[in-house]
Amino acid sequence: MTMSTSQPSWESISTQARNNVSSLITDEFRIPPSLFPPDSLLDVTTFARESGWLTPKELEITASSATAILRNVRERTWSAEEVARAFLRAAGAAHELTNCLTDFLPTEALTTAKALDIHLSTTGKPIGPLHGLPISLKDNFNIAGRDSTVGFVSKVGHPASSNATLVDILTSLGAVLYCKTNVPTAMMIAETVNNTFGRTVNPLNRNLTSGGSSGGESALIAFGASPLGVGTDIGGSLRIPAACTGIFTLRPSLGRFTTQGCTSGMGGQEAVASVNGPMARTLDDMKMYCEAVVGARPWELDPKCVPIPWRDVERKEKLKIAVCWDDGVVRPTPPVARALRETVEKLKGAGHEVVEWDSRLHARGLELLGRMFVADGGKSIRKALEPVGEPFRPEMSMYESARELGTWEMWQLQLERWSYQKEFLDLWRGVGGLDAILGPTTPYATTEHGKLKYVGYTGVFNVVDYSAVSFPCGVTVDKDKDQPDPQYTPLSDHCRDVHDNYNADVVHGMPVSLQLIANRLEEEKVLSMTETVLKAIHG
């Protein structure tokens, strides 16, 4: 495409977009130069406390769980306004130190919070179950009048005309929406980097990735600047960033939470569904969010939502868990393998039945996922890049060179997916009485920037649409314990690449996460089972 000489370059539009976000972070929310830490400070999660940037009360608020915040606001120990202000100040600092935001909404958030305080004061009742809770949103959730660029330069300055359905639901429940967070281009890279806003870094170690595509959310939450956020997942985009930063997330099955009115990097692609779910610092906060949002009966607003109310699930004391030691394509790196071994021993010690999972179908699931992602020949992404001459990022090479399938070919691919889902279900049922699969969320704890390339452990469960929780398992990388195995034999070229790039010294001290997978539409069950697993781990 030949650009008009009068049209701004994509680089200048990108610069303006970054400047726009920066301009919204006014002095009240901006780190003063005298407190700004050096680039050499890698772990910035202690900055707010050690620098004196936040007041003692703001530190207390931002260190609290979402559930505790709601209780304190309801009891009028804290006002919704001071809670919102504390998280706005923390979010401003988080952005300056990790580049995690694409939009900042201080005026709107404080106006909402003040109105909530007035309502509670005059009626004595909260608006809803999320009254006064600040919630951060991934960039693709449309808010009327604000951009949802999903990383494309061409979408800068083209605000949404209406809210996503989830935005309206959260507002009706009393949530305070205060920022939107960064994503990779089209939300289709496992790290958060794009030509519009740049790269988001991990607040636990800024030399490492916060994952993707919900990496802006994971960085903000891990920094301590959001009590709860909402991200999306089409191949691991909730679970991978949660694992990279040591927080919790739920990947639900399609239909439990509304995706209506969101911006997509590949709109109309439904061969593998994108879903959204909560990201938080505690499991209880996720359960609280799910009950509140499903309690709003989203199926009355979104025809793709299933009419299943949030169900009470009795927590099973003894589980039958199949362990996925590896997926047959990539062995987990040493700290993840150690975390899985130690967790399995604790589960056995707590009396749970542990069997081995047969991962023979995983490689085919990953191959199916890849074919579905590029079925349009990369046309959706190319059409979003072309208006401003934005180039393909190197991470997007598979879309640049893909061949578009015809309608018949696409139908055959979807029949193949359906057959695969049946085989996977038969494999699950063949175990007999299986409650869940336990395995790595990713083969990494996290990685240096540009080196997180394998999504097989998460992506296969997008193909079968199973419910999954990624959770920090209490293990951190130890550079002495987790050196490469000299006897290691790669399972594939992917495996060789992952292990060649592993460096125990670089990721020393980073948290390790695992994922627990239940069957389709078993969100309540997988959350309950994760609680049981955590009990076995921590006693």
Protein backbone atom coordinates (compact mmCIF):
# COMPACT_ATOMS: atom_id res chain seq x y z
CA MET A 1 0.00 0.00 0.00
CA THR A 2 1.29 3.48 -0.87
CA MET A 3 0.67 6.02 1.87
CA SER A 4 -0.29 9.61 1.13
CA THR A 5 2.49 12.08 1.83
CA SER A 6 0.06 14.04 4.01
CA GLN A 7 -0.82 11.04 6.17
CA PRO A 8 1.09 10.75 9.46
CA SER A 9 3.55 7.88 9.67
CA TRP A 10 2.70 4.95 11.89
CA GLU A 11 5.68 5.88 14.06
CA SER A 12 4.32 9.37 14.71
CA ILE A 13 0.85 8.00 15.52
CA SER A 14 2.43 5.55 17.95
CA THR A 15 4.37 8.34 19.63
CA GLN A 16 1.18 10.37 19.98
CA ALA A 17 -0.69 7.39 21.49
CA ARG A 18 2.03 6.90 24.10
CA ASN A 19 2.07 10.61 24.86
CA ASN A 20 -1.70 10.61 25.26
CA VAL A 21 -1.53 7.96 27.98
CA SER A 22 1.31 9.79 29.69
CA SER A 23 -0.65 13.06 29.66
CA LEU A 24 -3.55 11.42 31.52
CA ILE A 25 -1.20 10.53 34.38
CA THR A 26 -1.15 13.96 35.98
CA ASP A 27 1.16 15.00 38.82
CA GLU A 28 -1.18 13.52 41.45
CA PHE A 29 -0.65 10.08 39.94
CA ARG A 30 2.90 10.46 38.61
CA ILE A 31 6.07 9.47 40.46
CA PRO A 32 8.01 12.65 41.28
CA PRO A 33 11.53 12.76 39.81
CA SER A 34 13.07 12.68 43.30
CA LEU A 35 11.52 9.26 43.97
CA PHE A 36 11.93 7.69 40.55
CA PRO A 37 13.97 4.47 40.84
CA PRO A 38 16.95 3.69 38.59
CA ASP A 39 16.58 1.35 35.63
CA SER A 40 18.87 -1.05 37.48
CA LEU A 41 16.09 -1.74 40.02
CA LEU A 42 14.60 -4.90 38.53
CA ASP A 43 11.99 -5.83 41.15
CA VAL A 44 9.72 -2.79 41.43
CA THR A 45 6.93 -4.49 43.38
CA THR A 46 8.28 -2.97 46.61
CA PHE A 47 8.66 0.53 45.16
CA ALA A 48 5.38 1.97 46.45
CA ARG A 49 6.15 0.86 50.01
CA GLU A 50 9.86 1.57 50.18
CA SER A 51 9.86 4.90 48.31
CA GLY A 52 7.14 6.57 50.33
CA TRP A 53 5.16 7.19 47.13
CA LEU A 54 1.92 5.92 48.70
CA THR A 55 0.64 6.95 52.12
CA PRO A 56 0.33 4.31 54.86
CA LYS A 57 -3.44 4.16 54.31
CA GLU A 58 -3.00 3.83 50.54
CA LEU A 59 -0.53 1.03 51.14
CA GLU A 60 -3.06 -0.72 53.37
CA ILE A 61 -5.74 -0.35 50.72
CA THR A 62 -3.64 -1.53 47.77
CA ALA A 63 -2.28 -4.48 49.75
CA SER A 64 -5.80 -5.71 50.52
CA SER A 65 -7.69 -8.41 48.68
CA ALA A 66 -10.68 -7.45 46.57
CA THR A 67 -12.94 -9.17 49.09
CA ALA A 68 -11.47 -7.14 51.96
CA ILE A 69 -11.84 -3.90 49.98
CA LEU A 70 -15.52 -4.58 49.37
CA ARG A 71 -16.09 -5.28 53.06
CA ASN A 72 -14.31 -2.11 54.17
CA VAL A 73 -16.24 0.04 51.69
CA ARG A 74 -19.58 -1.49 52.71
CA GLU A 75 -18.76 -0.89 56.36
CA ARG A 76 -17.64 2.67 55.50
CA THR A 77 -14.19 2.10 56.96
CA TRP A 78 -12.92 3.32 53.60
CA SER A 79 -14.75 5.42 51.05
CA ALA A 80 -14.96 4.26 47.47
CA GLU A 81 -13.28 7.53 46.50
CA GLU A 82 -10.17 6.97 48.62
CA VAL A 83 -9.93 3.38 47.40
CA ALA A 84 -10.13 4.55 43.79
CA ARG A 85 -7.55 7.26 44.38
CA ALA A 86 -5.12 4.79 45.99
CA PHE A 87 -5.30 2.43 43.01
CA LEU A 88 -5.08 5.28 40.53
CA ARG A 89 -1.86 6.44 42.19
CA ALA A 90 -0.51 2.90 42.22
CA ALA A 91 -1.51 2.38 38.57
CA GLY A 92 0.23 5.57 37.50
CA ALA A 93 3.44 4.33 39.11
CA ALA A 94 2.98 0.84 37.65
CA HIS A 95 2.72 2.28 34.16
CA GLU A 96 5.80 4.45 34.53
CA LEU A 97 7.80 1.44 35.72
CA THR A 98 6.38 -1.37 33.54
CA ASN A 99 4.54 0.31 30.60
CA CYS A 100 1.35 -1.61 31.36
CA LEU A 101 -1.47 0.82 30.43
CA THR A 102 -3.18 1.87 27.21
CA ASP A 103 -5.70 4.19 28.87
CA PHE A 104 -6.12 5.89 32.24
CA LEU A 105 -9.48 7.06 33.56
CA PRO A 106 -8.97 9.12 36.74
CA THR A 107 -11.77 11.61 36.18
CA GLU A 108 -14.33 8.96 35.33
CA ALA A 109 -13.23 6.66 38.15
CA LEU A 110 -13.34 9.34 40.85
CA THR A 111 -16.72 10.60 39.62
CA THR A 112 -18.11 7.05 39.80
CA ALA A 113 -16.60 6.46 43.24
CA LYS A 114 -18.04 9.68 44.67
CA ALA A 115 -21.49 8.76 43.36
CA LEU A 116 -21.20 5.34 44.97
CA ASP A 117 -20.29 6.93 48.30
CA ILE A 118 -23.30 9.23 48.11
CA HIS A 119 -25.58 6.31 47.29
CA LEU A 120 -24.30 4.24 50.22
CA SER A 121 -24.55 7.19 52.58
CA THR A 122 -28.12 8.08 51.61
CA THR A 123 -29.60 4.59 51.20
CA GLY A 124 -27.44 2.54 53.52
CA LYS A 125 -27.16 -0.07 50.78
CA PRO A 126 -24.50 -0.80 48.17
CA ILE A 127 -25.30 -0.56 44.47
CA GLY A 128 -24.36 -4.20 44.01
CA PRO A 129 -21.88 -6.91 45.06
CA LEU A 130 -18.90 -5.07 43.50
CA HIS A 131 -19.73 -1.69 45.10
CA GLY A 132 -16.58 0.45 45.19
CA LEU A 133 -14.19 -2.17 43.83
CA PRO A 134 -11.66 -0.84 41.29
CA ILE A 135 -11.42 -3.25 38.36
CA SER A 136 -8.87 -2.97 35.55
CA LEU A 137 -9.70 -4.10 32.03
CA LYS A 138 -7.67 -5.49 29.18
CA ASP A 139 -7.48 -3.09 26.24
CA ASN A 140 -10.03 -4.95 24.08
CA PHE A 141 -12.98 -4.27 26.40
CA ASN A 142 -14.79 -1.42 24.71
CA ILE A 143 -15.61 1.66 26.75
CA ALA A 144 -17.63 4.24 24.87
CA GLY A 145 -15.48 7.18 23.83
CA ARG A 146 -12.17 5.38 24.44
CA ASP A 147 -9.85 3.56 22.04
CA SER A 148 -9.52 -0.21 21.94
CA THR A 149 -6.48 -0.53 19.68
CA VAL A 150 -5.56 -4.15 20.51
CA GLY A 151 -2.04 -3.07 19.58
CA PHE A 152 -2.78 -1.74 16.07
CA VAL A 153 -1.59 1.76 15.23
CA SER A 154 -4.46 2.20 12.75
CA LYS A 155 -7.00 1.94 15.59
CA VAL A 156 -5.55 4.91 17.50
CA GLY A 157 -8.04 7.77 17.58
CA HIS A 158 -11.05 5.63 16.68
CA PRO A 159 -12.92 5.31 19.98
CA ALA A 160 -15.65 2.77 20.63
CA SER A 161 -19.21 3.99 20.14
CA SER A 162 -20.64 1.81 22.90
CA ASN A 163 -19.62 -0.26 25.90
CA ALA A 164 -18.86 -3.94 25.88
CA THR A 165 -21.65 -5.83 27.65
CA LEU A 166 -19.30 -6.80 30.47
CA VAL A 167 -18.46 -3.13 31.05
CA ASP A 168 -22.15 -2.36 31.54
CA ILE A 169 -22.56 -5.35 33.85
CA LEU A 170 -19.57 -4.42 36.01
CA THR A 171 -20.77 -0.83 36.28
CA SER A 172 -24.27 -1.98 37.26
CA LEU A 173 -22.73 -4.13 40.00
CA GLY A 174 -20.90 -1.12 41.47
CA ALA A 175 -17.39 -1.62 40.08
CA VAL A 176 -15.11 1.36 39.46
CA LEU A 177 -13.37 1.04 36.07
CA TYR A 178 -10.16 3.05 36.13
CA CYS A 179 -7.71 1.89 33.45
CA LYS A 180 -7.15 -0.32 30.41
CA THR A 181 -4.08 -2.47 29.99
CA ASN A 182 -1.61 -3.28 27.26
CA VAL A 183 -1.75 -6.26 24.89
CA PRO A 184 0.39 -7.60 22.02
CA THR A 185 -0.54 -6.96 18.41
CA ALA A 186 -3.99 -8.45 17.73
CA MET A 187 -3.67 -10.16 21.15
CA MET A 188 -1.96 -13.02 19.31
CA ILE A 189 1.57 -13.05 20.78
CA ALA A 190 2.47 -14.79 24.05
CA GLU A 191 4.30 -11.66 25.24
CA THR A 192 2.89 -8.16 25.54
CA VAL A 193 4.56 -6.06 22.87
CA ASN A 194 3.18 -4.04 19.97
CA ASN A 195 4.15 -1.18 17.66
CA THR A 196 1.64 1.20 19.26
CA PHE A 197 2.48 1.22 22.96
CA GLY A 198 5.65 -0.86 23.09
CA ARG A 199 6.58 -3.62 25.52
CA THR A 200 5.20 -4.31 28.99
CA VAL A 201 7.75 -5.70 31.44
CA ASN A 202 7.42 -7.92 34.49
CA PRO A 203 7.36 -5.91 37.76
CA LEU A 204 9.04 -8.80 39.60
CA ASN A 205 12.02 -8.52 37.26
CA ARG A 206 11.93 -5.96 34.48
CA ASN A 207 14.38 -7.96 32.40
CA LEU A 208 11.67 -10.63 32.05
CA THR A 209 8.32 -10.83 30.30
CA SER A 210 4.94 -10.46 31.97
CA GLY A 211 3.53 -12.81 29.31
CA GLY A 212 0.67 -12.24 26.92
CA SER A 213 -1.72 -11.44 25.72
CA SER A 214 -3.14 -10.21 29.04
CA GLY A 215 0.34 -9.10 30.10
CA GLY A 216 -0.63 -5.53 30.92
CA GLU A 217 -3.15 -6.91 33.40
CA SER A 218 -0.69 -9.35 34.97
CA ALA A 219 1.93 -6.62 35.39
CA LEU A 220 -0.56 -4.20 36.94
CA ILE A 221 -1.89 -6.79 39.39
CA ALA A 222 1.53 -8.17 40.34
CA PHE A 223 2.75 -4.61 40.95
CA GLY A 224 -0.09 -4.14 43.44
CA ALA A 225 -1.97 -1.57 41.36
CA SER A 226 -5.15 -3.57 40.73
CA PRO A 227 -7.11 -5.73 43.17
CA LEU A 228 -8.75 -7.59 40.28
CA GLY A 229 -8.59 -7.38 36.50
CA VAL A 230 -10.28 -8.98 33.51
CA GLY A 231 -8.33 -10.50 30.64
CA THR A 232 -9.03 -12.83 27.74
CA ASP A 233 -7.73 -16.20 26.58
CA ILE A 234 -7.67 -17.78 23.10
CA GLY A 235 -4.52 -19.87 23.42
CA GLY A 236 -3.32 -19.16 26.95
CA SER A 237 -3.66 -15.38 27.13
CA LEU A 238 -4.95 -15.41 30.72
CA ARG A 239 -2.93 -18.32 32.05
CA ILE A 240 0.48 -17.53 30.54
CA PRO A 241 0.72 -13.97 31.93
CA ALA A 242 -0.69 -15.11 35.27
CA ALA A 243 2.04 -17.76 35.44
CA CYS A 244 4.76 -15.27 34.47
CA THR A 245 3.84 -13.04 37.42
CA GLY A 246 2.65 -15.55 40.02
CA ILE A 247 -1.04 -14.59 40.23
CA PHE A 248 -4.30 -16.52 39.86
CA THR A 249 -6.59 -16.72 36.86
CA LEU A 250 -9.54 -18.71 35.56
CA ARG A 251 -9.90 -19.71 31.91
CA PRO A 252 -13.64 -20.41 31.64
CA SER A 253 -15.45 -22.30 28.92
CA LEU A 254 -17.23 -20.31 26.23
CA GLY A 255 -20.56 -18.96 27.40
CA ARG A 256 -20.03 -18.43 31.13
CA PHE A 257 -18.88 -14.80 30.71
CA THR A 258 -19.99 -12.38 28.03
CA THR A 259 -17.58 -11.44 25.25
CA GLN A 260 -20.16 -9.29 23.44
CA GLY A 261 -19.04 -5.85 22.28
CA CYS A 262 -15.30 -6.40 22.63
CA THR A 263 -12.71 -5.53 19.99
CA SER A 264 -10.98 -8.52 18.42
CA GLY A 265 -7.71 -8.75 16.55
CA MET A 266 -9.34 -11.34 14.29
CA GLY A 267 -13.04 -10.53 14.36
CA GLY A 268 -15.33 -13.36 13.27
CA GLN A 269 -12.78 -16.09 13.99
CA GLU A 270 -14.78 -18.67 15.92
CA ALA A 271 -13.00 -21.92 15.17
CA VAL A 272 -11.35 -21.54 18.57
CA ALA A 273 -13.19 -19.23 20.92
CA SER A 274 -11.78 -16.31 22.86
CA VAL A 275 -13.10 -16.21 26.42
CA ASN A 276 -12.60 -13.77 29.28
CA GLY A 277 -12.03 -14.30 32.96
CA PRO A 278 -10.72 -12.75 36.16
CA MET A 279 -7.09 -12.29 37.18
CA ALA A 280 -6.40 -11.71 40.87
CA ARG A 281 -4.01 -12.18 43.75
CA THR A 282 -6.25 -14.68 45.58
CA LEU A 283 -8.48 -17.58 44.66
CA ASP A 284 -11.30 -16.22 46.85
CA ASP A 285 -11.33 -12.97 44.89
CA MET A 286 -11.84 -14.88 41.66
CA LYS A 287 -14.71 -16.86 43.16
CA MET A 288 -16.33 -13.67 44.41
CA TYR A 289 -16.06 -12.06 40.96
CA CYS A 290 -17.49 -15.08 39.16
CA GLU A 291 -20.49 -15.33 41.47
CA ALA A 292 -21.22 -11.62 41.06
CA VAL A 293 -20.92 -11.50 37.27
CA VAL A 294 -22.76 -14.74 36.53
CA GLY A 295 -25.34 -13.60 39.09
CA ALA A 296 -26.10 -10.68 36.78
CA ARG A 297 -27.61 -13.20 34.32
CA PRO A 298 -25.49 -12.30 31.28
CA TRP A 299 -27.44 -14.74 29.08
CA GLU A 300 -30.29 -12.22 29.12
CA LEU A 301 -27.98 -9.74 27.36
CA ASP A 302 -25.64 -11.88 25.26
CA PRO A 303 -27.11 -14.71 23.14
CA LYS A 304 -23.81 -16.61 23.30
CA CYS A 305 -23.95 -16.90 27.09
CA VAL A 306 -25.29 -20.13 28.54
CA PRO A 307 -28.16 -19.83 31.07
CA ILE A 308 -26.30 -21.53 33.90
CA PRO A 309 -26.47 -19.71 37.27
CA TRP A 310 -23.42 -19.86 39.50
CA ARG A 311 -23.63 -23.19 41.29
CA ASP A 312 -22.70 -24.23 44.82
CA VAL A 313 -20.17 -27.05 44.64
CA GLU A 314 -19.33 -29.18 47.62
CA ARG A 315 -15.55 -29.33 47.92
CA LYS A 316 -14.26 -32.87 47.51
CA GLU A 317 -11.72 -33.80 50.13
CA LYS A 318 -10.15 -36.53 47.98
CA LEU A 319 -9.53 -36.00 44.28
CA LYS A 320 -8.45 -38.21 41.41
CA ILE A 321 -5.90 -36.20 39.46
CA ALA A 322 -4.03 -37.14 36.30
CA VAL A 323 -0.58 -35.58 36.07
CA CYS A 324 0.66 -34.28 32.73
CA TRP A 325 4.44 -34.52 33.24
CA ASP A 326 4.98 -33.26 29.71
CA ASP A 327 2.81 -32.78 26.61
CA GLY A 328 4.92 -34.95 24.33
CA VAL A 329 6.26 -31.89 22.52
CA VAL A 330 8.15 -29.82 25.10
CA ARG A 331 9.47 -30.91 28.47
CA PRO A 332 9.03 -28.28 31.18
CA THR A 333 12.16 -26.42 32.23
CA PRO A 334 13.82 -27.60 35.49
CA PRO A 335 11.98 -25.32 37.97
CA VAL A 336 8.57 -26.18 36.51
CA ALA A 337 9.37 -29.89 36.49
CA ARG A 338 10.52 -29.65 40.12
CA ALA A 339 7.39 -27.72 41.12
CA LEU A 340 5.21 -30.39 39.53
CA ARG A 341 7.09 -33.21 41.28
CA GLU A 342 6.88 -31.51 44.67
CA THR A 343 3.18 -30.72 44.24
CA VAL A 344 2.40 -34.31 43.27
CA GLU A 345 4.20 -35.62 46.36
CA LYS A 346 2.16 -33.28 48.56
CA LEU A 347 -1.06 -34.40 46.90
CA LYS A 348 -0.18 -38.03 47.48
CA GLY A 349 0.75 -37.22 51.06
CA ALA A 350 -2.69 -35.65 51.54
CA GLY A 351 -4.37 -38.85 50.35
CA HIS A 352 -5.36 -37.85 46.83
CA GLU A 353 -5.26 -40.42 44.05
CA VAL A 354 -2.67 -39.49 41.43
CA VAL A 355 -2.39 -41.18 38.05
CA GLU A 356 -0.46 -40.31 34.90
CA TRP A 357 -2.10 -38.45 32.04
CA ASP A 358 -1.63 -39.81 28.54
CA SER A 359 -0.62 -36.76 26.49
CA ARG A 360 -0.65 -38.45 23.09
CA LEU A 361 -3.33 -36.08 21.73
CA HIS A 362 -1.64 -32.83 22.74
CA ALA A 363 0.65 -32.41 19.74
CA ARG A 364 -2.28 -32.70 17.35
CA GLY A 365 -4.29 -30.22 19.40
CA LEU A 366 -1.50 -27.66 19.13
CA GLU A 367 -1.25 -28.25 15.39
CA LEU A 368 -5.01 -27.74 15.02
CA LEU A 369 -4.82 -24.53 17.02
CA GLY A 370 -2.11 -23.14 14.76
CA ARG A 371 -4.06 -23.94 11.61
CA MET A 372 -7.19 -22.30 12.96
CA PHE A 373 -5.32 -19.14 13.92
CA VAL A 374 -4.04 -18.57 10.37
CA ALA A 375 -7.06 -19.87 8.45
CA ASP A 376 -7.75 -16.44 6.92
CA GLY A 377 -4.20 -16.25 5.57
CA GLY A 378 -3.41 -13.43 8.00
CA LYS A 379 -5.88 -11.19 6.13
CA SER A 380 -7.52 -9.77 9.29
CA ILE A 381 -4.18 -8.66 10.69
CA ARG A 382 -2.90 -7.40 7.34
CA LYS A 383 -6.02 -5.25 6.86
CA ALA A 384 -5.47 -3.66 10.28
CA LEU A 385 -1.80 -2.93 9.56
CA GLU A 386 -2.17 -1.55 6.04
CA PRO A 387 -4.05 1.76 6.60
CA VAL A 388 -1.00 3.38 8.22
CA GLY A 389 1.73 1.22 6.70
CA GLU A 390 2.46 -0.51 10.00
CA PRO A 391 4.81 -3.47 9.48
CA PHE A 392 4.29 -6.99 10.73
CA ARG A 393 6.19 -7.54 13.94
CA PRO A 394 8.67 -10.45 13.76
CA GLU A 395 6.57 -12.41 16.27
CA MET A 396 3.73 -12.37 13.71
CA SER A 397 5.60 -14.06 10.86
CA MET A 398 3.20 -17.03 10.82
CA TYR A 399 0.36 -14.67 9.85
CA GLU A 400 2.42 -12.87 7.22
CA SER A 401 3.15 -16.05 5.25
CA ALA A 402 -0.08 -18.01 5.80
CA ARG A 403 -2.36 -19.25 3.03
CA GLU A 404 -6.08 -18.45 3.28
CA LEU A 405 -8.35 -21.48 3.42
CA GLY A 406 -11.44 -21.71 1.29
CA THR A 407 -14.87 -22.22 2.83
CA TRP A 408 -14.87 -25.98 2.22
CA GLU A 409 -11.39 -26.33 3.69
CA MET A 410 -12.46 -24.36 6.75
CA TRP A 411 -15.47 -26.59 7.24
CA GLN A 412 -13.22 -29.65 7.08
CA LEU A 413 -10.93 -28.09 9.68
CA GLN A 414 -13.87 -27.53 12.00
CA LEU A 415 -15.02 -31.12 11.52
CA GLU A 416 -11.51 -32.20 12.41
CA ARG A 417 -11.67 -30.07 15.56
CA TRP A 418 -14.99 -31.66 16.55
CA SER A 419 -13.57 -35.14 16.06
CA TYR A 420 -10.54 -34.14 18.13
CA GLN A 421 -12.76 -32.89 20.96
CA LYS A 422 -14.56 -36.25 21.01
CA GLU A 423 -11.26 -38.17 21.13
CA PHE A 424 -10.07 -35.98 24.00
CA LEU A 425 -13.30 -36.51 25.92
CA ASP A 426 -13.05 -40.27 25.39
CA LEU A 427 -9.45 -40.19 26.64
CA TRP A 428 -10.59 -38.31 29.77
CA ARG A 429 -13.49 -40.64 30.45
CA GLY A 430 -11.29 -43.64 29.85
CA VAL A 431 -9.31 -42.82 32.99
CA GLY A 432 -12.41 -43.51 35.08
CA GLY A 433 -13.63 -41.13 37.77
CA LEU A 434 -11.12 -38.43 36.80
CA ASP A 435 -11.63 -35.07 38.49
CA ALA A 436 -8.86 -33.00 36.94
CA ILE A 437 -5.59 -32.85 35.05
CA LEU A 438 -2.62 -31.17 36.75
CA GLY A 439 0.25 -29.91 34.65
CA PRO A 440 2.47 -26.96 33.84
CA THR A 441 0.81 -23.73 32.77
CA THR A 442 3.82 -23.15 30.55
CA PRO A 443 7.20 -24.90 30.31
CA TYR A 444 8.70 -21.70 31.77
CA ALA A 445 8.50 -19.86 35.06
CA THR A 446 8.92 -16.85 32.81
CA THR A 447 11.58 -15.88 30.27
CA GLU A 448 13.66 -13.02 29.02
CA HIS A 449 11.89 -10.75 26.55
CA GLY A 450 11.35 -12.29 23.14
CA LYS A 451 11.88 -15.90 24.26
CA LEU A 452 8.39 -17.05 25.27
CA LYS A 453 7.30 -18.90 22.16
CA TYR A 454 5.57 -22.12 23.22
CA VAL A 455 1.86 -22.17 24.15
CA GLY A 456 1.11 -25.88 23.83
CA TYR A 457 0.32 -26.50 27.49
CA THR A 458 -2.45 -23.92 27.47
CA GLY A 459 -3.58 -23.96 23.83
CA VAL A 460 -4.79 -27.55 23.76
CA PHE A 461 -7.41 -26.74 26.39
CA ASN A 462 -8.69 -23.87 24.26
CA VAL A 463 -9.30 -26.33 21.45
CA VAL A 464 -11.39 -28.59 23.72
CA ASP A 465 -12.83 -25.58 25.64
CA TYR A 466 -12.12 -26.91 29.13
CA SER A 467 -12.19 -24.88 32.35
CA ALA A 468 -8.76 -24.25 33.88
CA VAL A 469 -7.15 -22.37 36.74
CA SER A 470 -3.52 -21.26 36.74
CA PHE A 471 -2.20 -20.85 40.27
CA PRO A 472 1.13 -20.12 41.96
CA CYS A 473 2.17 -23.37 43.62
CA GLY A 474 4.55 -21.95 46.22
CA VAL A 475 7.78 -22.89 44.40
CA THR A 476 10.26 -20.29 43.21
CA VAL A 477 13.14 -20.80 40.83
CA ASP A 478 16.37 -21.73 42.62
CA LYS A 479 19.45 -21.31 40.45
CA ASP A 480 21.26 -24.01 42.42
CA LYS A 481 18.47 -26.60 42.33
CA ASP A 482 17.22 -25.80 38.84
CA GLN A 483 20.27 -26.04 36.61
CA PRO A 484 19.78 -27.73 33.20
CA ASP A 485 19.79 -31.52 33.22
CA PRO A 486 22.94 -32.78 31.41
CA GLN A 487 21.02 -35.94 30.43
CA TYR A 488 18.19 -33.94 28.84
CA THR A 489 17.00 -35.18 25.43
CA PRO A 490 14.71 -32.82 23.48
CA LEU A 491 11.32 -34.10 22.38
CA SER A 492 11.15 -31.77 19.37
CA ASP A 493 12.65 -28.65 17.84
CA HIS A 494 10.27 -26.64 20.03
CA CYS A 495 11.66 -28.47 23.03
CA ARG A 496 15.26 -27.81 22.04
CA ASP A 497 14.52 -24.11 21.58
CA VAL A 498 12.82 -23.78 24.98
CA HIS A 499 15.68 -25.47 26.82
CA ASP A 500 18.45 -23.76 24.86
CA ASN A 501 16.98 -20.43 26.00
CA TYR A 502 16.56 -21.46 29.65
CA ASN A 503 18.88 -19.66 32.07
CA ALA A 504 18.44 -20.48 35.76
CA ASP A 505 20.46 -17.47 36.87
CA VAL A 506 18.23 -15.05 34.95
CA VAL A 507 14.91 -16.38 36.34
CA HIS A 508 16.20 -17.08 39.87
CA GLY A 509 13.59 -16.21 42.48
CA MET A 510 10.63 -16.07 40.09
CA PRO A 511 7.40 -17.84 41.11
CA VAL A 512 6.32 -21.04 39.38
CA SER A 513 2.70 -21.73 38.48
CA LEU A 514 0.81 -24.88 37.53
CA GLN A 515 -2.63 -25.31 36.04
CA LEU A 516 -5.55 -27.48 37.07
CA ILE A 517 -7.97 -28.45 34.31
CA ALA A 518 -11.55 -29.62 34.70
CA ASN A 519 -14.00 -30.55 31.99
CA ARG A 520 -16.09 -28.15 29.95
CA LEU A 521 -18.32 -25.67 31.85
CA GLU A 522 -16.96 -26.81 35.21
CA GLU A 523 -15.78 -23.40 36.43
CA GLU A 524 -17.21 -23.87 39.94
CA LYS A 525 -15.66 -27.31 40.23
CA VAL A 526 -12.18 -26.28 39.05
CA LEU A 527 -12.10 -23.36 41.50
CA SER A 528 -13.16 -25.66 44.33
CA MET A 529 -10.59 -28.29 43.35
CA THR A 530 -7.86 -25.66 43.20
CA GLU A 531 -8.71 -24.79 46.79
CA THR A 532 -8.25 -28.46 47.69
CA VAL A 533 -4.90 -28.61 45.88
CA LEU A 534 -3.69 -25.45 47.64
CA LYS A 535 -4.70 -26.99 50.96
CA ALA A 536 -2.51 -30.01 50.18
CA ILE A 537 0.37 -27.73 49.16
CA HIS A 538 0.26 -25.32 52.07
CA GLY A 539 -1.31 -27.45 54.78
